[in-house]
Amino acid sequence: MKKVLLVNGSPHEKGCTFIALSEVKRTLEEEGVEAEILWLGVKPIAGCIACRACRKTGRCAFQGDAVNETIEKLPEYGAIVLGSPVYYAGPSGQICAFADRLFYAGSGFQGKLGAAVVSCRRGGASAAFDRLNKYFTINSMPVVSSQYWNQVHGNTPEEVLEDGEGLQTMRTLGRNIAWLMKCIEAGEEKGITFPPYERRISTNFIR
């Protein structure tokens, strides 16, 4: 079975977002699914400049961060979880820059599962959650849900550990990801594969 990649887009390696992703990871492993957490770190991650060099090489022109390394490992993953703290009701700049380039330069996302996890002190979680899910829904990736929107609350890791509902939401998400991955694997064994697609049409609305 393929693995699950959990991306920690917080500048704090062991902060609130890490607590949430770790709860998902632990649950996945209990269900027999291997998972790994990728921390993006604190160094600046360049945003996409639409140079389109990746259309020729299959890799991003920018080097030195986790984007190309992740692209190379994409075949290993059956699901991608994007995790971020909430900044001004949106995801961190780190994870947006990473995901913009990953999803623009990479390929083969169709059929992989996607899920977003956000951490906030008080508000803005649903807006950040919505923003991250858009990476999946533009790439034919089934989005995995939980019993509530995938968010935890707390200003410190210790406070997040007291968010019983948030942590339960993470565990339910982990179980749902594991179940769907097993369903996909069982379907493939029966010859059921992800549907073929028409050649993509891009329409520019100009006058």
Protein backbone atom coordinates (compact mmCIF):
# COMPACT_ATOMS: atom_id res chain seq x y z
CA MET A 1 0.00 0.00 0.00
CA LYS A 2 1.18 3.53 -0.74
CA LYS A 3 2.13 5.98 1.98
CA VAL A 4 0.54 9.19 3.22
CA LEU A 5 2.48 12.45 3.07
CA LEU A 6 1.60 14.97 5.77
CA VAL A 7 3.05 18.43 5.11
CA ASN A 8 3.68 20.69 8.09
CA GLY A 9 3.51 24.26 6.79
CA SER A 10 4.15 25.87 10.17
CA PRO A 11 7.44 27.62 10.97
CA HIS A 12 7.31 25.80 14.32
CA GLU A 13 8.46 22.23 13.78
CA LYS A 14 6.77 20.88 16.91
CA GLY A 15 3.97 23.43 17.24
CA CYS A 16 0.19 23.25 17.08
CA THR A 17 0.01 22.08 13.47
CA PHE A 18 2.45 19.29 14.28
CA ILE A 19 0.21 18.09 17.11
CA ALA A 20 -2.75 17.84 14.73
CA LEU A 21 -0.78 16.07 11.99
CA SER A 22 0.79 13.70 14.51
CA GLU A 23 -2.66 12.60 15.64
CA VAL A 24 -3.56 11.80 12.03
CA LYS A 25 -0.24 10.00 11.52
CA ARG A 26 -0.62 7.91 14.67
CA THR A 27 -4.12 6.84 13.63
CA LEU A 28 -2.99 5.95 10.12
CA GLU A 29 -0.23 3.77 11.50
CA GLU A 30 -2.68 2.06 13.84
CA GLU A 31 -4.68 1.24 10.70
CA GLY A 32 -1.62 -0.23 9.01
CA VAL A 33 -0.89 2.70 6.71
CA GLU A 34 2.61 4.16 6.62
CA ALA A 35 2.80 7.95 6.97
CA GLU A 36 5.50 10.58 7.15
CA ILE A 37 5.52 14.24 8.15
CA LEU A 38 7.43 16.71 6.00
CA TRP A 39 8.30 19.93 7.80
CA LEU A 40 8.89 22.78 5.35
CA GLY A 41 11.21 24.58 7.74
CA VAL A 42 11.81 28.29 8.24
CA LYS A 43 13.87 29.19 5.18
CA PRO A 44 12.02 31.20 2.51
CA ILE A 45 10.24 29.14 -0.15
CA ALA A 46 10.02 30.86 -3.51
CA GLY A 47 6.60 31.33 -5.01
CA CYS A 48 5.73 30.17 -8.51
CA ILE A 49 6.70 32.72 -11.19
CA ALA A 50 4.86 30.91 -14.02
CA CYS A 51 8.07 30.48 -16.04
CA ARG A 52 6.68 27.16 -17.30
CA ALA A 53 10.12 25.52 -17.28
CA CYS A 54 8.47 22.60 -15.48
CA ARG A 55 6.41 21.88 -18.59
CA LYS A 56 9.63 20.74 -20.29
CA THR A 57 11.45 19.12 -17.38
CA GLY A 58 8.73 17.92 -15.00
CA ARG A 59 10.60 19.70 -12.22
CA CYS A 60 10.45 23.19 -10.80
CA ALA A 61 13.18 25.58 -11.95
CA PHE A 62 13.81 26.66 -8.35
CA GLN A 63 16.12 24.41 -6.37
CA GLY A 64 17.03 24.15 -2.71
CA ASP A 65 13.69 23.44 -1.05
CA ALA A 66 11.35 20.49 -0.68
CA VAL A 67 9.35 20.91 -3.91
CA ASN A 68 11.41 18.85 -6.36
CA GLU A 69 12.25 16.24 -3.74
CA THR A 70 8.52 15.78 -3.14
CA ILE A 71 7.78 15.62 -6.88
CA GLU A 72 10.28 12.77 -7.22
CA LYS A 73 8.59 10.85 -4.41
CA LEU A 74 4.99 11.43 -5.56
CA PRO A 75 4.56 7.87 -6.92
CA GLU A 76 5.09 6.58 -3.35
CA TYR A 77 2.12 8.49 -1.95
CA GLY A 78 -1.53 7.56 -2.08
CA ALA A 79 -2.65 10.60 -0.11
CA ILE A 80 -1.42 14.11 0.63
CA VAL A 81 -2.41 16.07 3.74
CA LEU A 82 -1.59 19.78 3.78
CA GLY A 83 -1.34 21.20 7.30
CA SER A 84 -1.02 24.85 8.22
CA PRO A 85 -1.52 27.38 10.97
CA VAL A 86 -4.01 30.14 10.28
CA TYR A 87 -2.51 33.51 9.35
CA TYR A 88 -5.01 36.31 8.72
CA ALA A 89 -7.72 33.71 7.96
CA GLY A 90 -5.50 31.93 5.44
CA PRO A 91 -2.75 29.30 5.29
CA SER A 92 0.90 30.18 5.88
CA GLY A 93 2.89 31.71 3.06
CA GLN A 94 5.29 28.77 3.29
CA ILE A 95 2.73 26.13 2.45
CA CYS A 96 1.02 28.20 -0.24
CA ALA A 97 4.34 28.78 -2.04
CA PHE A 98 5.21 25.09 -1.67
CA ALA A 99 1.82 23.86 -2.88
CA ASP A 100 1.61 26.35 -5.77
CA ARG A 101 4.84 25.02 -7.21
CA LEU A 102 4.25 21.37 -6.29
CA PHE A 103 0.88 21.14 -7.97
CA TYR A 104 1.93 23.24 -10.97
CA ALA A 105 5.17 21.39 -11.68
CA GLY A 106 4.22 17.91 -10.51
CA SER A 107 1.96 15.38 -12.22
CA GLY A 108 0.01 12.27 -11.41
CA PHE A 109 -2.11 13.72 -8.63
CA GLN A 110 -5.31 12.28 -10.09
CA GLY A 111 -6.73 9.61 -7.85
CA LYS A 112 -4.55 10.42 -4.85
CA LEU A 113 -6.52 11.38 -1.77
CA GLY A 114 -6.28 14.92 -0.42
CA ALA A 115 -7.04 16.44 2.95
CA ALA A 116 -6.36 19.76 4.66
CA VAL A 117 -5.66 20.33 8.35
CA VAL A 118 -5.55 23.77 9.96
CA SER A 119 -4.64 25.05 13.41
CA CYS A 120 -5.85 28.33 14.85
CA ARG A 121 -5.98 30.19 18.11
CA ARG A 122 -9.56 31.33 17.66
CA GLY A 123 -10.90 32.12 14.16
CA GLY A 124 -10.18 31.95 10.44
CA ALA A 125 -9.93 28.19 10.29
CA SER A 126 -12.69 27.56 7.75
CA ALA A 127 -11.28 30.10 5.28
CA ALA A 128 -7.79 28.59 5.50
CA PHE A 129 -9.27 25.09 5.23
CA ASP A 130 -11.16 26.08 2.08
CA ARG A 131 -8.05 27.58 0.49
CA LEU A 132 -6.01 24.40 0.95
CA ASN A 133 -8.74 22.12 -0.38
CA LYS A 134 -8.67 23.97 -3.70
CA TYR A 135 -5.35 22.33 -4.56
CA PHE A 136 -7.09 18.96 -4.49
CA THR A 137 -10.32 19.83 -6.25
CA ILE A 138 -8.51 21.24 -9.29
CA ASN A 139 -6.48 18.05 -9.66
CA SER A 140 -9.15 15.29 -9.62
CA MET A 141 -8.17 14.27 -6.10
CA PRO A 142 -10.95 12.88 -3.87
CA VAL A 143 -11.11 15.03 -0.74
CA VAL A 144 -11.32 13.13 2.54
CA SER A 145 -13.67 14.47 5.19
CA SER A 146 -14.00 13.96 8.92
CA GLN A 147 -16.71 14.45 11.53
CA TYR A 148 -16.09 18.22 11.51
CA TRP A 149 -13.93 20.60 9.50
CA ASN A 150 -10.34 19.48 10.00
CA GLN A 151 -9.21 22.02 12.57
CA VAL A 152 -7.72 22.21 16.03
CA HIS A 153 -7.77 25.16 18.41
CA GLY A 154 -5.11 26.41 20.78
CA ASN A 155 -2.40 29.03 21.08
CA THR A 156 0.21 26.49 22.21
CA PRO A 157 0.78 22.77 21.63
CA GLU A 158 -0.31 22.17 25.22
CA GLU A 159 -3.63 23.91 24.56
CA VAL A 160 -4.18 21.88 21.39
CA LEU A 161 -3.72 18.72 23.42
CA GLU A 162 -6.69 19.86 25.48
CA ASP A 163 -8.90 20.27 22.38
CA GLY A 164 -10.69 16.93 22.68
CA GLU A 165 -13.01 17.51 19.75
CA GLY A 166 -10.22 18.72 17.49
CA LEU A 167 -8.03 15.70 18.21
CA GLN A 168 -10.97 13.36 17.70
CA THR A 169 -11.57 15.05 14.35
CA MET A 170 -7.96 14.27 13.42
CA ARG A 171 -8.36 10.63 14.42
CA THR A 172 -11.54 10.31 12.38
CA LEU A 173 -9.74 11.87 9.42
CA GLY A 174 -6.92 9.35 9.76
CA ARG A 175 -9.36 6.44 9.84
CA ASN A 176 -11.24 7.76 6.82
CA ILE A 177 -8.02 8.18 4.82
CA ALA A 178 -6.93 4.64 5.72
CA TRP A 179 -10.32 3.19 4.82
CA LEU A 180 -10.45 4.93 1.45
CA MET A 181 -6.89 3.90 0.60
CA LYS A 182 -7.79 0.29 1.37
CA CYS A 183 -10.94 0.59 -0.76
CA ILE A 184 -8.91 1.95 -3.67
CA GLU A 185 -6.36 -0.85 -3.32
CA ALA A 186 -9.13 -3.47 -3.22
CA GLY A 187 -10.72 -1.93 -6.29
CA GLU A 188 -7.45 -1.98 -8.21
CA GLU A 189 -7.07 -5.67 -7.40
CA LYS A 190 -10.46 -6.19 -9.06
CA GLY A 191 -9.45 -4.19 -12.12
CA ILE A 192 -11.22 -0.99 -11.10
CA THR A 193 -8.94 1.93 -11.86
CA PHE A 194 -9.31 5.69 -11.80
CA PRO A 195 -11.34 6.89 -14.83
CA PRO A 196 -9.61 8.03 -18.02
CA TYR A 197 -10.01 11.67 -18.94
CA GLU A 198 -10.55 13.68 -22.06
CA ARG A 199 -7.73 15.91 -23.17
CA ARG A 200 -8.00 19.00 -21.01
CA ILE A 201 -9.68 22.08 -22.50
CA SER A 202 -8.57 25.53 -21.38
CA THR A 203 -10.90 28.36 -22.30
CA ASN A 204 -9.79 31.95 -21.97
CA PHE A 205 -12.66 34.40 -21.52
CA ILE A 206 -11.58 37.30 -23.70
CA ARG A 207 -13.45 39.71 -25.98
